[in-house]
Amino acid sequence: AFDDNNGGPPPFYLKRGAINKGPSLFASRNIAKGELVHDGTNSNVMFHNALAWRRFIFALPRNRACDMMDWSWTQSFFDGGVIKDEFFAAINISVFLGNTRVGRVMNVRPEPPSSRYYATRDIRKDEEI
């Protein structure tokens, strides 16, 4: 469920990041501030409570459960004026979006209440996302 990029490939690619860092996504072209980078609407899995997420995690083989825990997050939504926290898990290459370490500002963020990730500033080709 990536942005179709006008019929082209996704606006990013996967490669190994900095020393002692795992895989990361890098821009395959210049990306303008505010541009849709990834739309996870149809690919992210949403769990409505912690118990449902835990059941999912504990049903997986141990080595996959560890990965899936790394690829999960919480996100707040407004539902009828009430803030709700939902649990999400990504099941595609988008798990590497914003794979940052302390001290680095993310250059893509989801636009609540959705799973659409937009560039927070201009991103140069081959820059880590």
N, C-alpha and C. Protein backbone atom coordinates (compact mmCIF):
# COMPACT_ATOMS: atom_id res chain seq x y z
N ALA A 1 0.83 -1.19 0.00
CA ALA A 1 0.00 0.00 0.00
C ALA A 1 0.87 1.25 0.00
N PHE A 2 1.85 1.27 -0.84
CA PHE A 2 2.68 2.45 -0.96
C PHE A 2 2.00 3.45 -1.87
N ASP A 3 2.37 4.69 -1.73
CA ASP A 3 1.93 5.70 -2.67
C ASP A 3 2.28 5.18 -4.06
N ASP A 4 1.38 5.28 -5.00
CA ASP A 4 1.66 4.70 -6.31
C ASP A 4 2.68 5.50 -7.10
N ASN A 5 3.08 6.66 -6.58
CA ASN A 5 4.15 7.43 -7.21
C ASN A 5 3.88 7.63 -8.70
N ASN A 6 2.61 7.92 -9.01
CA ASN A 6 2.19 8.11 -10.40
C ASN A 6 2.50 6.89 -11.26
N GLY A 7 2.26 5.72 -10.70
CA GLY A 7 2.48 4.49 -11.45
C GLY A 7 3.89 3.95 -11.36
N GLY A 8 4.79 4.68 -10.71
CA GLY A 8 6.18 4.25 -10.59
C GLY A 8 6.43 3.51 -9.29
N PRO A 9 7.68 3.22 -9.01
CA PRO A 9 8.03 2.51 -7.77
C PRO A 9 7.86 3.40 -6.56
N PRO A 10 7.89 2.83 -5.35
CA PRO A 10 7.80 3.64 -4.14
C PRO A 10 8.93 4.67 -4.12
N PRO A 11 8.73 5.78 -3.41
CA PRO A 11 9.76 6.83 -3.40
C PRO A 11 10.92 6.52 -2.45
N PHE A 12 11.14 5.24 -2.12
CA PHE A 12 12.25 4.88 -1.25
C PHE A 12 12.72 3.47 -1.55
N TYR A 13 13.92 3.15 -1.05
CA TYR A 13 14.49 1.81 -1.22
C TYR A 13 15.18 1.42 0.08
N LEU A 14 15.44 0.13 0.25
CA LEU A 14 16.01 -0.40 1.48
C LEU A 14 17.50 -0.68 1.28
N LYS A 15 18.31 -0.26 2.25
CA LYS A 15 19.72 -0.64 2.29
C LYS A 15 20.20 -0.53 3.72
N ARG A 16 21.40 -1.07 3.99
CA ARG A 16 21.97 -1.00 5.33
C ARG A 16 22.30 0.45 5.65
N GLY A 17 21.96 0.85 6.88
CA GLY A 17 22.21 2.21 7.32
C GLY A 17 23.63 2.39 7.82
N ALA A 18 23.81 3.31 8.74
CA ALA A 18 25.11 3.63 9.31
C ALA A 18 25.71 2.42 10.03
N ILE A 19 26.98 2.51 10.38
CA ILE A 19 27.67 1.45 11.11
C ILE A 19 26.89 1.11 12.38
N ASN A 20 26.79 -0.17 12.68
CA ASN A 20 26.07 -0.68 13.86
C ASN A 20 24.59 -0.37 13.81
N LYS A 21 24.05 -0.18 12.64
CA LYS A 21 22.62 0.09 12.49
C LYS A 21 22.08 -0.85 11.44
N GLY A 22 20.89 -1.30 11.65
CA GLY A 22 20.27 -2.22 10.71
C GLY A 22 19.81 -1.54 9.45
N PRO A 23 18.98 -2.24 8.68
CA PRO A 23 18.47 -1.70 7.42
C PRO A 23 17.66 -0.42 7.64
N SER A 24 17.70 0.45 6.66
CA SER A 24 16.94 1.69 6.69
C SER A 24 16.41 1.98 5.29
N LEU A 25 15.46 2.88 5.21
CA LEU A 25 14.93 3.31 3.92
C LEU A 25 15.61 4.61 3.51
N PHE A 26 15.85 4.73 2.21
CA PHE A 26 16.48 5.91 1.64
C PHE A 26 15.64 6.41 0.48
N ALA A 27 15.64 7.72 0.27
CA ALA A 27 14.83 8.32 -0.79
C ALA A 27 15.39 7.92 -2.16
N SER A 28 14.52 7.42 -3.04
CA SER A 28 14.94 7.04 -4.39
C SER A 28 14.88 8.24 -5.34
N ARG A 29 14.35 9.35 -4.84
CA ARG A 29 14.26 10.60 -5.61
C ARG A 29 14.06 11.71 -4.60
N ASN A 30 14.12 12.96 -5.04
CA ASN A 30 13.82 14.08 -4.15
C ASN A 30 12.35 14.02 -3.76
N ILE A 31 12.09 14.24 -2.47
CA ILE A 31 10.73 14.22 -1.95
C ILE A 31 10.45 15.58 -1.33
N ALA A 32 9.38 16.22 -1.74
CA ALA A 32 9.05 17.57 -1.26
C ALA A 32 8.35 17.51 0.11
N LYS A 33 8.57 18.53 0.90
CA LYS A 33 7.88 18.66 2.19
C LYS A 33 6.37 18.54 1.95
N GLY A 34 5.71 17.74 2.78
CA GLY A 34 4.26 17.57 2.68
C GLY A 34 3.83 16.47 1.72
N GLU A 35 4.78 15.89 0.98
CA GLU A 35 4.44 14.84 0.02
C GLU A 35 4.16 13.53 0.74
N LEU A 36 3.17 12.79 0.24
CA LEU A 36 2.86 11.47 0.77
C LEU A 36 4.01 10.53 0.44
N VAL A 37 4.59 9.91 1.47
CA VAL A 37 5.71 8.99 1.28
C VAL A 37 5.22 7.54 1.36
N HIS A 38 4.29 7.28 2.25
CA HIS A 38 3.75 5.91 2.39
C HIS A 38 2.32 5.99 2.91
N ASP A 39 1.47 5.16 2.33
CA ASP A 39 0.09 5.06 2.79
C ASP A 39 -0.12 3.64 3.31
N GLY A 40 -0.14 3.49 4.64
CA GLY A 40 -0.30 2.19 5.25
C GLY A 40 -1.74 1.83 5.56
N THR A 41 -2.68 2.60 5.01
CA THR A 41 -4.10 2.38 5.30
C THR A 41 -4.53 0.94 5.10
N ASN A 42 -4.08 0.32 4.02
CA ASN A 42 -4.51 -1.04 3.70
C ASN A 42 -3.50 -2.11 4.08
N SER A 43 -2.36 -1.72 4.66
CA SER A 43 -1.35 -2.74 4.99
C SER A 43 -1.02 -2.82 6.47
N ASN A 44 -1.25 -1.75 7.22
CA ASN A 44 -1.00 -1.82 8.66
C ASN A 44 -2.11 -2.61 9.33
N VAL A 45 -1.73 -3.37 10.34
CA VAL A 45 -2.69 -4.13 11.11
C VAL A 45 -2.98 -3.35 12.39
N MET A 46 -4.27 -3.14 12.70
CA MET A 46 -4.65 -2.38 13.88
C MET A 46 -5.28 -3.32 14.91
N PHE A 47 -4.83 -3.16 16.16
CA PHE A 47 -5.39 -3.92 17.28
C PHE A 47 -6.07 -2.91 18.20
N HIS A 48 -7.30 -3.16 18.57
CA HIS A 48 -8.07 -2.19 19.35
C HIS A 48 -7.72 -2.18 20.83
N ASN A 49 -6.95 -3.16 21.28
CA ASN A 49 -6.55 -3.14 22.69
C ASN A 49 -5.27 -3.96 22.86
N ALA A 50 -4.65 -3.80 24.02
CA ALA A 50 -3.37 -4.47 24.29
C ALA A 50 -3.52 -5.98 24.31
N LEU A 51 -4.63 -6.48 24.79
CA LEU A 51 -4.84 -7.92 24.86
C LEU A 51 -4.83 -8.55 23.46
N ALA A 52 -5.49 -7.91 22.51
CA ALA A 52 -5.51 -8.44 21.14
C ALA A 52 -4.11 -8.45 20.55
N TRP A 53 -3.34 -7.39 20.80
CA TRP A 53 -1.96 -7.33 20.30
C TRP A 53 -1.12 -8.43 20.94
N ARG A 54 -1.25 -8.61 22.25
CA ARG A 54 -0.48 -9.65 22.95
C ARG A 54 -0.81 -11.05 22.43
N ARG A 55 -2.09 -11.31 22.20
CA ARG A 55 -2.48 -12.62 21.66
C ARG A 55 -1.82 -12.88 20.31
N PHE A 56 -1.79 -11.84 19.49
CA PHE A 56 -1.14 -11.94 18.19
C PHE A 56 0.35 -12.25 18.36
N ILE A 57 1.04 -11.47 19.19
CA ILE A 57 2.48 -11.63 19.41
C ILE A 57 2.80 -13.02 19.94
N PHE A 58 2.05 -13.48 20.95
CA PHE A 58 2.36 -14.77 21.57
C PHE A 58 1.98 -15.96 20.68
N ALA A 59 1.22 -15.74 19.63
CA ALA A 59 0.88 -16.81 18.70
C ALA A 59 1.97 -17.01 17.65
N LEU A 60 2.91 -16.08 17.57
CA LEU A 60 3.98 -16.16 16.57
C LEU A 60 5.16 -16.98 17.09
N PRO A 61 5.96 -17.57 16.18
CA PRO A 61 7.21 -18.19 16.61
C PRO A 61 8.09 -17.11 17.27
N ARG A 62 8.89 -17.51 18.22
CA ARG A 62 9.67 -16.56 19.02
C ARG A 62 10.48 -15.58 18.17
N ASN A 63 11.19 -16.06 17.15
CA ASN A 63 12.02 -15.15 16.36
C ASN A 63 11.17 -14.15 15.57
N ARG A 64 9.98 -14.52 15.17
CA ARG A 64 9.09 -13.58 14.47
C ARG A 64 8.41 -12.63 15.45
N ALA A 65 8.13 -13.12 16.64
CA ALA A 65 7.50 -12.27 17.66
C ALA A 65 8.41 -11.10 18.00
N CYS A 66 9.71 -11.36 18.12
CA CYS A 66 10.65 -10.27 18.43
C CYS A 66 10.65 -9.22 17.33
N ASP A 67 10.69 -9.66 16.07
CA ASP A 67 10.63 -8.70 14.96
C ASP A 67 9.33 -7.91 15.00
N MET A 68 8.22 -8.61 15.17
CA MET A 68 6.92 -7.94 15.13
C MET A 68 6.79 -6.93 16.28
N MET A 69 7.37 -7.24 17.42
CA MET A 69 7.35 -6.27 18.53
C MET A 69 8.10 -5.01 18.13
N ASP A 70 9.23 -5.17 17.42
CA ASP A 70 9.98 -4.00 16.94
C ASP A 70 9.19 -3.22 15.90
N TRP A 71 8.33 -3.90 15.16
CA TRP A 71 7.60 -3.28 14.07
C TRP A 71 6.20 -2.83 14.49
N SER A 72 5.98 -2.71 15.79
CA SER A 72 4.68 -2.29 16.33
C SER A 72 4.80 -0.92 16.99
N TRP A 73 3.70 -0.22 17.08
CA TRP A 73 3.66 1.09 17.72
C TRP A 73 2.25 1.41 18.17
N THR A 74 2.12 2.45 18.98
CA THR A 74 0.79 2.94 19.34
C THR A 74 0.59 4.28 18.66
N GLN A 75 -0.66 4.59 18.39
CA GLN A 75 -1.00 5.86 17.75
C GLN A 75 -2.31 6.33 18.33
N SER A 76 -2.40 7.61 18.63
CA SER A 76 -3.63 8.19 19.19
C SER A 76 -4.54 8.70 18.09
N PHE A 77 -5.84 8.51 18.28
CA PHE A 77 -6.86 8.97 17.35
C PHE A 77 -7.92 9.72 18.13
N PHE A 78 -8.59 10.64 17.45
CA PHE A 78 -9.77 11.27 18.01
C PHE A 78 -10.98 10.53 17.46
N ASP A 79 -11.81 10.04 18.36
CA ASP A 79 -13.01 9.32 17.96
C ASP A 79 -14.18 9.93 18.71
N GLY A 80 -14.97 10.75 18.03
CA GLY A 80 -16.10 11.41 18.68
C GLY A 80 -15.65 12.35 19.80
N GLY A 81 -14.51 13.00 19.61
CA GLY A 81 -14.01 13.92 20.61
C GLY A 81 -13.22 13.27 21.73
N VAL A 82 -13.11 11.94 21.68
CA VAL A 82 -12.38 11.20 22.71
C VAL A 82 -11.08 10.68 22.10
N ILE A 83 -9.98 10.83 22.84
CA ILE A 83 -8.71 10.31 22.36
C ILE A 83 -8.65 8.81 22.65
N LYS A 84 -8.37 8.03 21.59
CA LYS A 84 -8.22 6.58 21.73
C LYS A 84 -6.82 6.20 21.28
N ASP A 85 -6.19 5.31 22.03
CA ASP A 85 -4.90 4.78 21.62
C ASP A 85 -5.12 3.41 21.00
N GLU A 86 -4.58 3.22 19.82
CA GLU A 86 -4.67 1.94 19.12
C GLU A 86 -3.27 1.38 18.93
N PHE A 87 -3.18 0.07 18.82
CA PHE A 87 -1.92 -0.62 18.59
C PHE A 87 -1.84 -0.99 17.11
N PHE A 88 -0.68 -0.79 16.51
CA PHE A 88 -0.49 -1.10 15.10
C PHE A 88 0.73 -1.98 14.91
N ALA A 89 0.74 -2.71 13.82
CA ALA A 89 1.90 -3.47 13.37
C ALA A 89 1.97 -3.33 11.86
N ALA A 90 3.17 -3.10 11.36
CA ALA A 90 3.38 -3.02 9.91
C ALA A 90 3.88 -4.37 9.43
N ILE A 91 3.45 -4.76 8.25
CA ILE A 91 3.83 -6.07 7.74
C ILE A 91 4.47 -5.99 6.36
N ASN A 92 5.15 -4.88 6.09
CA ASN A 92 5.85 -4.74 4.82
C ASN A 92 7.10 -3.86 5.03
N ILE A 93 7.71 -3.44 3.98
CA ILE A 93 8.97 -2.69 4.04
C ILE A 93 8.84 -1.39 4.85
N SER A 94 7.63 -0.92 5.03
CA SER A 94 7.43 0.34 5.76
C SER A 94 7.88 0.26 7.21
N VAL A 95 8.15 -0.95 7.71
CA VAL A 95 8.64 -1.07 9.10
C VAL A 95 9.93 -0.29 9.28
N PHE A 96 10.63 -0.01 8.21
CA PHE A 96 11.89 0.70 8.30
C PHE A 96 11.75 2.21 8.15
N LEU A 97 10.52 2.71 7.98
CA LEU A 97 10.30 4.16 7.95
C LEU A 97 10.60 4.74 9.32
N GLY A 98 11.37 5.79 9.37
CA GLY A 98 11.64 6.44 10.64
C GLY A 98 12.42 5.55 11.59
N ASN A 99 13.26 4.68 11.06
CA ASN A 99 14.07 3.78 11.88
C ASN A 99 15.22 4.59 12.47
N THR A 100 14.89 5.49 13.39
CA THR A 100 15.85 6.47 13.89
C THR A 100 16.43 6.07 15.22
N ARG A 101 17.49 6.72 15.58
CA ARG A 101 18.11 6.58 16.88
C ARG A 101 17.99 7.92 17.60
N VAL A 102 18.25 7.93 18.88
CA VAL A 102 18.16 9.15 19.68
C VAL A 102 19.01 10.24 19.05
N GLY A 103 18.47 11.45 19.00
CA GLY A 103 19.21 12.59 18.50
C GLY A 103 18.95 12.90 17.04
N ARG A 104 18.23 12.04 16.33
CA ARG A 104 17.93 12.29 14.93
C ARG A 104 16.45 12.61 14.79
N VAL A 105 16.16 13.69 14.11
CA VAL A 105 14.77 14.11 13.92
C VAL A 105 14.20 13.37 12.72
N MET A 106 13.01 12.82 12.91
CA MET A 106 12.36 12.09 11.82
C MET A 106 11.96 13.06 10.71
N ASN A 107 12.11 12.62 9.46
CA ASN A 107 11.72 13.46 8.34
C ASN A 107 10.43 12.98 7.68
N VAL A 108 9.81 11.94 8.23
CA VAL A 108 8.46 11.52 7.84
C VAL A 108 7.67 11.23 9.10
N ARG A 109 6.40 11.57 9.09
CA ARG A 109 5.53 11.31 10.24
C ARG A 109 4.14 10.98 9.74
N PRO A 110 3.42 10.16 10.52
CA PRO A 110 2.03 9.89 10.13
C PRO A 110 1.16 11.11 10.42
N GLU A 111 0.16 11.27 9.61
CA GLU A 111 -0.81 12.35 9.80
C GLU A 111 -2.01 11.76 10.53
N PRO A 112 -2.12 12.02 11.85
CA PRO A 112 -3.26 11.47 12.60
C PRO A 112 -4.57 11.99 12.05
N PRO A 113 -5.63 11.27 12.04
CA PRO A 113 -5.73 9.88 12.50
C PRO A 113 -5.62 8.91 11.34
N SER A 114 -4.46 8.75 10.77
CA SER A 114 -4.33 7.85 9.63
C SER A 114 -2.98 7.15 9.69
N SER A 115 -2.75 6.31 8.73
CA SER A 115 -1.46 5.63 8.57
C SER A 115 -0.75 6.15 7.34
N ARG A 116 -1.05 7.39 6.98
CA ARG A 116 -0.39 8.03 5.85
C ARG A 116 0.80 8.82 6.37
N TYR A 117 1.98 8.52 5.82
CA TYR A 117 3.21 9.18 6.26
C TYR A 117 3.60 10.25 5.25
N TYR A 118 3.83 11.46 5.75
CA TYR A 118 4.18 12.60 4.92
C TYR A 118 5.57 13.11 5.28
N ALA A 119 6.25 13.69 4.30
CA ALA A 119 7.56 14.29 4.54
C ALA A 119 7.38 15.55 5.39
N THR A 120 8.16 15.66 6.46
CA THR A 120 8.08 16.83 7.34
C THR A 120 8.97 17.96 6.85
N ARG A 121 9.81 17.66 5.88
CA ARG A 121 10.69 18.67 5.26
C ARG A 121 11.12 18.09 3.91
N ASP A 122 11.79 18.90 3.10
CA ASP A 122 12.31 18.39 1.83
C ASP A 122 13.36 17.31 2.14
N ILE A 123 13.29 16.21 1.40
CA ILE A 123 14.22 15.10 1.57
C ILE A 123 14.96 14.90 0.25
N ARG A 124 16.27 14.91 0.32
CA ARG A 124 17.09 14.75 -0.88
C ARG A 124 17.19 13.29 -1.31
N LYS A 125 17.37 13.06 -2.60
CA LYS A 125 17.59 11.72 -3.12
C LYS A 125 18.75 11.07 -2.36
N ASP A 126 18.60 9.80 -2.01
CA ASP A 126 19.58 8.98 -1.29
C ASP A 126 19.74 9.36 0.18
N GLU A 127 18.91 10.27 0.70
CA GLU A 127 18.94 10.61 2.13
C GLU A 127 18.13 9.56 2.89
N GLU A 128 18.60 9.23 4.07
CA GLU A 128 17.89 8.27 4.91
C GLU A 128 16.54 8.84 5.34
N ILE A 129 15.53 8.00 5.27
CA ILE A 129 14.18 8.42 5.69
C ILE A 129 13.92 7.89 7.07
